[in-house]
Amino acid sequence: MNFSVLTHKIGSQVRSMRLNRGYKQAELARLAGVTRQKLIEIEQGSPSVSMSAYARVFAALGSEVKLVPASLPTLDEVDDLFNE
C-alpha cells in the first residue's frame, strides 16, 4: 500500500474522531499541543508531519494505533474513486 494512501486514511480517521467528539480544530490542536495548521496537515494526510505530532493528536483524542494487514479495496471503495 502506498504511504500516501495511509496518511490520507489516518487523516480522515483523525478528522472523523475529532468531529465525533465535538472538537473544533483549534480546540483539539490546543489539547494536543500542536498548532492548528499542523492539525490541518494531519487531517489532509500530509506526509511531512512528524510521528510526534501524530502521537500528540492521538493521545488528545484518547486513541491508539493498531497495525493491521492491508487489504484490497472493496468494490464500493473502487467505485467511489470514479465518482470524485
PDB file of N, CA and C in Angstrom:
ATOM      1  N   MET A   1       0.847  -1.172   0.000  1.00  0.00           N
ATOM      2  CA  MET A   1       0.000   0.000   0.000  1.00  0.00           C
ATOM      3  C   MET A   1       0.895   1.238   0.000  1.00  0.00           C
ATOM      4  N   ASN A   2       0.531   2.214  -0.768  1.00  0.00           N
ATOM      5  CA  ASN A   2       1.265   3.458  -0.903  1.00  0.00           C
ATOM      6  C   ASN A   2       1.180   4.273   0.390  1.00  0.00           C
ATOM      7  N   PHE A   3       2.302   4.867   0.826  1.00  0.00           N
ATOM      8  CA  PHE A   3       2.290   5.632   2.081  1.00  0.00           C
ATOM      9  C   PHE A   3       1.349   6.819   1.999  1.00  0.00           C
ATOM     10  N   SER A   4       1.147   7.369   0.822  1.00  0.00           N
ATOM     11  CA  SER A   4       0.228   8.493   0.653  1.00  0.00           C
ATOM     12  C   SER A   4      -1.205   8.076   0.980  1.00  0.00           C
ATOM     13  N   VAL A   5      -1.568   6.889   0.581  1.00  0.00           N
ATOM     14  CA  VAL A   5      -2.907   6.368   0.886  1.00  0.00           C
ATOM     15  C   VAL A   5      -3.055   6.216   2.404  1.00  0.00           C
ATOM     16  N   LEU A   6      -2.006   5.721   3.050  1.00  0.00           N
ATOM     17  CA  LEU A   6      -2.059   5.539   4.503  1.00  0.00           C
ATOM     18  C   LEU A   6      -2.212   6.862   5.239  1.00  0.00           C
ATOM     19  N   THR A   7      -1.437   7.877   4.854  1.00  0.00           N
ATOM     20  CA  THR A   7      -1.539   9.153   5.552  1.00  0.00           C
ATOM     21  C   THR A   7      -2.909   9.783   5.339  1.00  0.00           C
ATOM     22  N   HIS A   8      -3.493   9.595   4.163  1.00  0.00           N
ATOM     23  CA  HIS A   8      -4.843  10.129   3.924  1.00  0.00           C
ATOM     24  C   HIS A   8      -5.893   9.381   4.752  1.00  0.00           C
ATOM     25  N   LYS A   9      -5.730   8.067   4.868  1.00  0.00           N
ATOM     26  CA  LYS A   9      -6.664   7.290   5.688  1.00  0.00           C
ATOM     27  C   LYS A   9      -6.582   7.709   7.149  1.00  0.00           C
ATOM     28  N   ILE A  10      -5.361   7.877   7.646  1.00  0.00           N
ATOM     29  CA  ILE A  10      -5.180   8.287   9.038  1.00  0.00           C
ATOM     30  C   ILE A  10      -5.774   9.671   9.251  1.00  0.00           C
ATOM     31  N   GLY A  11      -5.492  10.581   8.334  1.00  0.00           N
ATOM     32  CA  GLY A  11      -6.025  11.937   8.445  1.00  0.00           C
ATOM     33  C   GLY A  11      -7.538  11.961   8.472  1.00  0.00           C
ATOM     34  N   SER A  12      -8.137  11.146   7.635  1.00  0.00           N
ATOM     35  CA  SER A  12      -9.593  11.062   7.583  1.00  0.00           C
ATOM     36  C   SER A  12     -10.156  10.526   8.900  1.00  0.00           C
ATOM     37  N   GLN A  13      -9.474   9.542   9.469  1.00  0.00           N
ATOM     38  CA  GLN A  13      -9.921   8.977  10.740  1.00  0.00           C
ATOM     39  C   GLN A  13      -9.767   9.976  11.874  1.00  0.00           C
ATOM     40  N   VAL A  14      -8.676  10.742  11.860  1.00  0.00           N
ATOM     41  CA  VAL A  14      -8.473  11.775  12.886  1.00  0.00           C
ATOM     42  C   VAL A  14      -9.597  12.797  12.798  1.00  0.00           C
ATOM     43  N   ARG A  15      -9.903  13.238  11.585  1.00  0.00           N
ATOM     44  CA  ARG A  15     -10.968  14.231  11.401  1.00  0.00           C
ATOM     45  C   ARG A  15     -12.308  13.692  11.899  1.00  0.00           C
ATOM     46  N   SER A  16     -12.622  12.446  11.540  1.00  0.00           N
ATOM     47  CA  SER A  16     -13.880  11.831  11.982  1.00  0.00           C
ATOM     48  C   SER A  16     -13.958  11.753  13.502  1.00  0.00           C
ATOM     49  N   MET A  17     -12.859  11.344  14.124  1.00  0.00           N
ATOM     50  CA  MET A  17     -12.853  11.243  15.587  1.00  0.00           C
ATOM     51  C   MET A  17     -13.015  12.622  16.217  1.00  0.00           C
ATOM     52  N   ARG A  18     -12.355  13.616  15.643  1.00  0.00           N
ATOM     53  CA  ARG A  18     -12.473  14.980  16.167  1.00  0.00           C
ATOM     54  C   ARG A  18     -13.915  15.455  16.104  1.00  0.00           C
ATOM     55  N   LEU A  19     -14.543  15.257  14.952  1.00  0.00           N
ATOM     56  CA  LEU A  19     -15.929  15.693  14.777  1.00  0.00           C
ATOM     57  C   LEU A  19     -16.876  14.916  15.686  1.00  0.00           C
ATOM     58  N   ASN A  20     -16.651  13.618  15.829  1.00  0.00           N
ATOM     59  CA  ASN A  20     -17.495  12.797  16.708  1.00  0.00           C
ATOM     60  C   ASN A  20     -17.412  13.238  18.161  1.00  0.00           C
ATOM     61  N   ARG A  21     -16.279  13.775  18.545  1.00  0.00           N
ATOM     62  CA  ARG A  21     -16.103  14.243  19.919  1.00  0.00           C
ATOM     63  C   ARG A  21     -16.509  15.710  20.083  1.00  0.00           C
ATOM     64  N   GLY A  22     -16.899  16.334  18.978  1.00  0.00           N
ATOM     65  CA  GLY A  22     -17.384  17.707  19.039  1.00  0.00           C
ATOM     66  C   GLY A  22     -16.306  18.771  19.167  1.00  0.00           C
ATOM     67  N   TYR A  23     -15.067  18.424  18.820  1.00  0.00           N
ATOM     68  CA  TYR A  23     -13.970  19.391  18.895  1.00  0.00           C
ATOM     69  C   TYR A  23     -13.861  20.203  17.608  1.00  0.00           C
ATOM     70  N   LYS A  24     -13.559  21.468  17.753  1.00  0.00           N
ATOM     71  CA  LYS A  24     -13.149  22.283  16.618  1.00  0.00           C
ATOM     72  C   LYS A  24     -11.652  22.058  16.455  1.00  0.00           C
ATOM     73  N   GLN A  25     -11.128  22.376  15.288  1.00  0.00           N
ATOM     74  CA  GLN A  25      -9.703  22.149  15.052  1.00  0.00           C
ATOM     75  C   GLN A  25      -8.840  22.859  16.089  1.00  0.00           C
ATOM     76  N   ALA A  26      -9.167  24.095  16.393  1.00  0.00           N
ATOM     77  CA  ALA A  26      -8.368  24.860  17.354  1.00  0.00           C
ATOM     78  C   ALA A  26      -8.379  24.211  18.735  1.00  0.00           C
ATOM     79  N   GLU A  27      -9.525  23.649  19.131  1.00  0.00           N
ATOM     80  CA  GLU A  27      -9.626  23.008  20.449  1.00  0.00           C
ATOM     81  C   GLU A  27      -8.742  21.766  20.523  1.00  0.00           C
ATOM     82  N   LEU A  28      -8.840  20.917  19.511  1.00  0.00           N
ATOM     83  CA  LEU A  28      -8.036  19.692  19.524  1.00  0.00           C
ATOM     84  C   LEU A  28      -6.552  20.030  19.429  1.00  0.00           C
ATOM     85  N   ALA A  29      -6.204  20.994  18.607  1.00  0.00           N
ATOM     86  CA  ALA A  29      -4.805  21.401  18.480  1.00  0.00           C
ATOM     87  C   ALA A  29      -4.259  21.858  19.835  1.00  0.00           C
ATOM     88  N   ARG A  30      -5.038  22.657  20.558  1.00  0.00           N
ATOM     89  CA  ARG A  30      -4.616  23.121  21.877  1.00  0.00           C
ATOM     90  C   ARG A  30      -4.429  21.950  22.832  1.00  0.00           C
ATOM     91  N   LEU A  31      -5.391  21.020  22.856  1.00  0.00           N
ATOM     92  CA  LEU A  31      -5.289  19.847  23.733  1.00  0.00           C
ATOM     93  C   LEU A  31      -4.066  18.989  23.405  1.00  0.00           C
ATOM     94  N   ALA A  32      -3.752  18.910  22.115  1.00  0.00           N
ATOM     95  CA  ALA A  32      -2.640  18.073  21.658  1.00  0.00           C
ATOM     96  C   ALA A  32      -1.288  18.782  21.758  1.00  0.00           C
ATOM     97  N   GLY A  33      -1.316  20.091  21.922  1.00  0.00           N
ATOM     98  CA  GLY A  33      -0.063  20.827  21.984  1.00  0.00           C
ATOM     99  C   GLY A  33       0.593  20.998  20.628  1.00  0.00           C
ATOM    100  N   VAL A  34      -0.234  21.069  19.581  1.00  0.00           N
ATOM    101  CA  VAL A  34       0.256  21.322  18.227  1.00  0.00           C
ATOM    102  C   VAL A  34      -0.469  22.555  17.689  1.00  0.00           C
ATOM    103  N   THR A  35       0.042  23.106  16.611  1.00  0.00           N
ATOM    104  CA  THR A  35      -0.632  24.250  16.008  1.00  0.00           C
ATOM    105  C   THR A  35      -1.856  23.773  15.235  1.00  0.00           C
ATOM    106  N   ARG A  36      -2.776  24.688  15.020  1.00  0.00           N
ATOM    107  CA  ARG A  36      -3.964  24.361  14.219  1.00  0.00           C
ATOM    108  C   ARG A  36      -3.528  23.979  12.806  1.00  0.00           C
ATOM    109  N   GLN A  37      -2.521  24.672  12.277  1.00  0.00           N
ATOM    110  CA  GLN A  37      -2.019  24.347  10.936  1.00  0.00           C
ATOM    111  C   GLN A  37      -1.488  22.920  10.879  1.00  0.00           C
ATOM    112  N   LYS A  38      -0.809  22.478  11.925  1.00  0.00           N
ATOM    113  CA  LYS A  38      -0.286  21.106  11.960  1.00  0.00           C
ATOM    114  C   LYS A  38      -1.439  20.111  11.981  1.00  0.00           C
ATOM    115  N   LEU A  39      -2.491  20.412  12.730  1.00  0.00           N
ATOM    116  CA  LEU A  39      -3.657  19.528  12.753  1.00  0.00           C
ATOM    117  C   LEU A  39      -4.305  19.471  11.375  1.00  0.00           C
ATOM    118  N   ILE A  40      -4.390  20.597  10.702  1.00  0.00           N
ATOM    119  CA  ILE A  40      -4.944  20.620   9.341  1.00  0.00           C
ATOM    120  C   ILE A  40      -4.105  19.723   8.432  1.00  0.00           C
ATOM    121  N   GLU A  41      -2.786  19.816   8.546  1.00  0.00           N
ATOM    122  CA  GLU A  41      -1.901  18.969   7.735  1.00  0.00           C
ATOM    123  C   GLU A  41      -2.144  17.488   8.022  1.00  0.00           C
ATOM    124  N   ILE A  42      -2.328  17.160   9.292  1.00  0.00           N
ATOM    125  CA  ILE A  42      -2.606  15.764   9.659  1.00  0.00           C
ATOM    126  C   ILE A  42      -3.914  15.314   9.025  1.00  0.00           C
ATOM    127  N   GLU A  43      -4.959  16.120   9.163  1.00  0.00           N
ATOM    128  CA  GLU A  43      -6.268  15.746   8.627  1.00  0.00           C
ATOM    129  C   GLU A  43      -6.255  15.653   7.103  1.00  0.00           C
ATOM    130  N   GLN A  44      -5.361  16.389   6.452  1.00  0.00           N
ATOM    131  CA  GLN A  44      -5.260  16.336   4.994  1.00  0.00           C
ATOM    132  C   GLN A  44      -4.321  15.231   4.512  1.00  0.00           C
ATOM    133  N   GLY A  45      -3.673  14.549   5.442  1.00  0.00           N
ATOM    134  CA  GLY A  45      -2.806  13.437   5.077  1.00  0.00           C
ATOM    135  C   GLY A  45      -1.433  13.843   4.592  1.00  0.00           C
ATOM    136  N   SER A  46      -0.932  14.967   5.069  1.00  0.00           N
ATOM    137  CA  SER A  46       0.398  15.426   4.660  1.00  0.00           C
ATOM    138  C   SER A  46       1.461  14.427   5.113  1.00  0.00           C
ATOM    139  N   PRO A  47       2.333  14.004   4.198  1.00  0.00           N
ATOM    140  CA  PRO A  47       3.370  13.044   4.574  1.00  0.00           C
ATOM    141  C   PRO A  47       4.537  13.671   5.341  1.00  0.00           C
ATOM    142  N   SER A  48       4.561  14.993   5.481  1.00  0.00           N
ATOM    143  CA  SER A  48       5.694  15.650   6.131  1.00  0.00           C
ATOM    144  C   SER A  48       5.501  15.859   7.633  1.00  0.00           C
ATOM    145  N   VAL A  49       4.395  15.408   8.179  1.00  0.00           N
ATOM    146  CA  VAL A  49       4.111  15.590   9.611  1.00  0.00           C
ATOM    147  C   VAL A  49       4.877  14.544  10.415  1.00  0.00           C
ATOM    148  N   SER A  50       5.472  14.981  11.515  1.00  0.00           N
ATOM    149  CA  SER A  50       6.260  14.065  12.346  1.00  0.00           C
ATOM    150  C   SER A  50       5.359  13.077  13.095  1.00  0.00           C
ATOM    151  N   MET A  51       5.951  11.953  13.444  1.00  0.00           N
ATOM    152  CA  MET A  51       5.220  10.962  14.244  1.00  0.00           C
ATOM    153  C   MET A  51       4.873  11.538  15.611  1.00  0.00           C
ATOM    154  N   SER A  52       5.706  12.431  16.117  1.00  0.00           N
ATOM    155  CA  SER A  52       5.440  13.064  17.404  1.00  0.00           C
ATOM    156  C   SER A  52       4.130  13.853  17.359  1.00  0.00           C
ATOM    157  N   ALA A  53       3.910  14.582  16.276  1.00  0.00           N
ATOM    158  CA  ALA A  53       2.665  15.359  16.141  1.00  0.00           C
ATOM    159  C   ALA A  53       1.466  14.417  16.061  1.00  0.00           C
ATOM    160  N   TYR A  54       1.604  13.346  15.284  1.00  0.00           N
ATOM    161  CA  TYR A  54       0.515  12.364  15.209  1.00  0.00           C
ATOM    162  C   TYR A  54       0.240  11.792  16.599  1.00  0.00           C
ATOM    163  N   ALA A  55       1.293  11.425  17.325  1.00  0.00           N
ATOM    164  CA  ALA A  55       1.131  10.822  18.651  1.00  0.00           C
ATOM    165  C   ALA A  55       0.431  11.777  19.612  1.00  0.00           C
ATOM    166  N   ARG A  56       0.759  13.052  19.554  1.00  0.00           N
ATOM    167  CA  ARG A  56       0.114  14.034  20.427  1.00  0.00           C
ATOM    168  C   ARG A  56      -1.388  14.131  20.135  1.00  0.00           C
ATOM    169  N   VAL A  57      -1.724  14.119  18.843  1.00  0.00           N
ATOM    170  CA  VAL A  57      -3.137  14.207  18.451  1.00  0.00           C
ATOM    171  C   VAL A  57      -3.877  12.937  18.853  1.00  0.00           C
ATOM    172  N   PHE A  58      -3.265  11.784  18.612  1.00  0.00           N
ATOM    173  CA  PHE A  58      -3.896  10.516  19.021  1.00  0.00           C
ATOM    174  C   PHE A  58      -4.158  10.511  20.521  1.00  0.00           C
ATOM    175  N   ALA A  59      -3.168  10.945  21.306  1.00  0.00           N
ATOM    176  CA  ALA A  59      -3.323  10.964  22.763  1.00  0.00           C
ATOM    177  C   ALA A  59      -4.437  11.923  23.177  1.00  0.00           C
ATOM    178  N   ALA A  60      -4.513  13.086  22.534  1.00  0.00           N
ATOM    179  CA  ALA A  60      -5.561  14.065  22.867  1.00  0.00           C
ATOM    180  C   ALA A  60      -6.946  13.520  22.537  1.00  0.00           C
ATOM    181  N   LEU A  61      -7.020  12.648  21.545  1.00  0.00           N
ATOM    182  CA  LEU A  61      -8.293  12.025  21.180  1.00  0.00           C
ATOM    183  C   LEU A  61      -8.579  10.776  22.019  1.00  0.00           C
ATOM    184  N   GLY A  62      -7.620  10.388  22.856  1.00  0.00           N
ATOM    185  CA  GLY A  62      -7.804   9.178  23.664  1.00  0.00           C
ATOM    186  C   GLY A  62      -7.817   7.931  22.801  1.00  0.00           C
ATOM    187  N   SER A  63      -6.963   7.920  21.779  1.00  0.00           N
ATOM    188  CA  SER A  63      -6.951   6.788  20.858  1.00  0.00           C
ATOM    189  C   SER A  63      -5.547   6.200  20.753  1.00  0.00           C
ATOM    190  N   GLU A  64      -5.449   5.085  20.089  1.00  0.00           N
ATOM    191  CA  GLU A  64      -4.164   4.434  19.873  1.00  0.00           C
ATOM    192  C   GLU A  64      -4.108   3.905  18.455  1.00  0.00           C
ATOM    193  N   VAL A  65      -2.928   3.506  18.053  1.00  0.00           N
ATOM    194  CA  VAL A  65      -2.727   2.978  16.706  1.00  0.00           C
ATOM    195  C   VAL A  65      -2.594   1.468  16.800  1.00  0.00           C
ATOM    196  N   LYS A  66      -3.267   0.789  15.902  1.00  0.00           N
ATOM    197  CA  LYS A  66      -3.154  -0.659  15.818  1.00  0.00           C
ATOM    198  C   LYS A  66      -2.811  -0.993  14.375  1.00  0.00           C
ATOM    199  N   LEU A  67      -1.720  -1.708  14.175  1.00  0.00           N
ATOM    200  CA  LEU A  67      -1.320  -2.090  12.827  1.00  0.00           C
ATOM    201  C   LEU A  67      -2.051  -3.363  12.421  1.00  0.00           C
ATOM    202  N   VAL A  68      -2.651  -3.317  11.262  1.00  0.00           N
ATOM    203  CA  VAL A  68      -3.349  -4.478  10.718  1.00  0.00           C
ATOM    204  C   VAL A  68      -2.876  -4.683   9.280  1.00  0.00           C
ATOM    205  N   PRO A  69      -2.911  -5.901   8.783  1.00  0.00           N
ATOM    206  CA  PRO A  69      -2.502  -6.129   7.407  1.00  0.00           C
ATOM    207  C   PRO A  69      -3.388  -5.343   6.441  1.00  0.00           C
ATOM    208  N   ALA A  70      -2.772  -4.821   5.412  1.00  0.00           N
ATOM    209  CA  ALA A  70      -3.524  -4.077   4.388  1.00  0.00           C
ATOM    210  C   ALA A  70      -4.413  -5.042   3.626  1.00  0.00           C
ATOM    211  N   SER A  71      -5.543  -4.532   3.184  1.00  0.00           N
ATOM    212  CA  SER A  71      -6.454  -5.356   2.388  1.00  0.00           C
ATOM    213  C   SER A  71      -6.752  -4.644   1.086  1.00  0.00           C
ATOM    214  N   LEU A  72      -7.192  -5.384   0.132  1.00  0.00           N
ATOM    215  CA  LEU A  72      -7.562  -4.802  -1.150  1.00  0.00           C
ATOM    216  C   LEU A  72      -8.842  -3.994  -0.977  1.00  0.00           C
ATOM    217  N   PRO A  73      -9.011  -2.932  -1.763  1.00  0.00           N
ATOM    218  CA  PRO A  73     -10.236  -2.135  -1.632  1.00  0.00           C
ATOM    219  C   PRO A  73     -11.462  -2.935  -2.053  1.00  0.00           C
ATOM    220  N   THR A  74     -12.590  -2.574  -1.453  1.00  0.00           N
ATOM    221  CA  THR A  74     -13.846  -3.210  -1.832  1.00  0.00           C
ATOM    222  C   THR A  74     -14.341  -2.600  -3.140  1.00  0.00           C
ATOM    223  N   LEU A  75     -15.330  -3.217  -3.747  1.00  0.00           N
ATOM    224  CA  LEU A  75     -15.901  -2.679  -4.980  1.00  0.00           C
ATOM    225  C   LEU A  75     -16.486  -1.291  -4.750  1.00  0.00           C
ATOM    226  N   ASP A  76     -17.099  -1.067  -3.587  1.00  0.00           N
ATOM    227  CA  ASP A  76     -17.654   0.259  -3.274  1.00  0.00           C
ATOM    228  C   ASP A  76     -16.556   1.313  -3.190  1.00  0.00           C
ATOM    229  N   GLU A  77     -15.427   0.944  -2.586  1.00  0.00           N
ATOM    230  CA  GLU A  77     -14.318   1.896  -2.469  1.00  0.00           C
ATOM    231  C   GLU A  77     -13.742   2.236  -3.839  1.00  0.00           C
ATOM    232  N   VAL A  78     -13.621   1.239  -4.691  1.00  0.00           N
ATOM    233  CA  VAL A  78     -13.133   1.489  -6.045  1.00  0.00           C
ATOM    234  C   VAL A  78     -14.117   2.355  -6.818  1.00  0.00           C
ATOM    235  N   ASP A  79     -15.393   2.071  -6.658  1.00  0.00           N
ATOM    236  CA  ASP A  79     -16.423   2.847  -7.344  1.00  0.00           C
ATOM    237  C   ASP A  79     -16.378   4.307  -6.914  1.00  0.00           C
ATOM    238  N   ASP A  80     -16.104   4.558  -5.612  1.00  0.00           N
ATOM    239  CA  ASP A  80     -16.009   5.921  -5.109  1.00  0.00           C
ATOM    240  C   ASP A  80     -14.892   6.712  -5.785  1.00  0.00           C
ATOM    241  N   LEU A  81     -13.822   6.029  -6.187  1.00  0.00           N
ATOM    242  CA  LEU A  81     -12.720   6.712  -6.857  1.00  0.00           C
ATOM    243  C   LEU A  81     -13.174   7.350  -8.164  1.00  0.00           C
ATOM    244  N   PHE A  82     -14.119   6.714  -8.839  1.00  0.00           N
ATOM    245  CA  PHE A  82     -14.565   7.205 -10.133  1.00  0.00           C
ATOM    246  C   PHE A  82     -15.676   8.256 -10.014  1.00  0.00           C
ATOM    247  N   ASN A  83     -16.222   8.395  -8.804  1.00  0.00           N
ATOM    248  CA  ASN A  83     -17.281   9.377  -8.594  1.00  0.00           C
ATOM    249  C   ASN A  83     -16.748  10.717  -8.112  1.00  0.00           C
ATOM    250  N   GLU A  84     -15.444  10.804  -7.844  1.00  0.00           N
ATOM    251  CA  GLU A  84     -14.872  12.059  -7.336  1.00  0.00           C
ATOM    252  C   GLU A  84     -14.524  12.999  -8.442  1.00  0.00           C
TER     253      GLU A  84
END
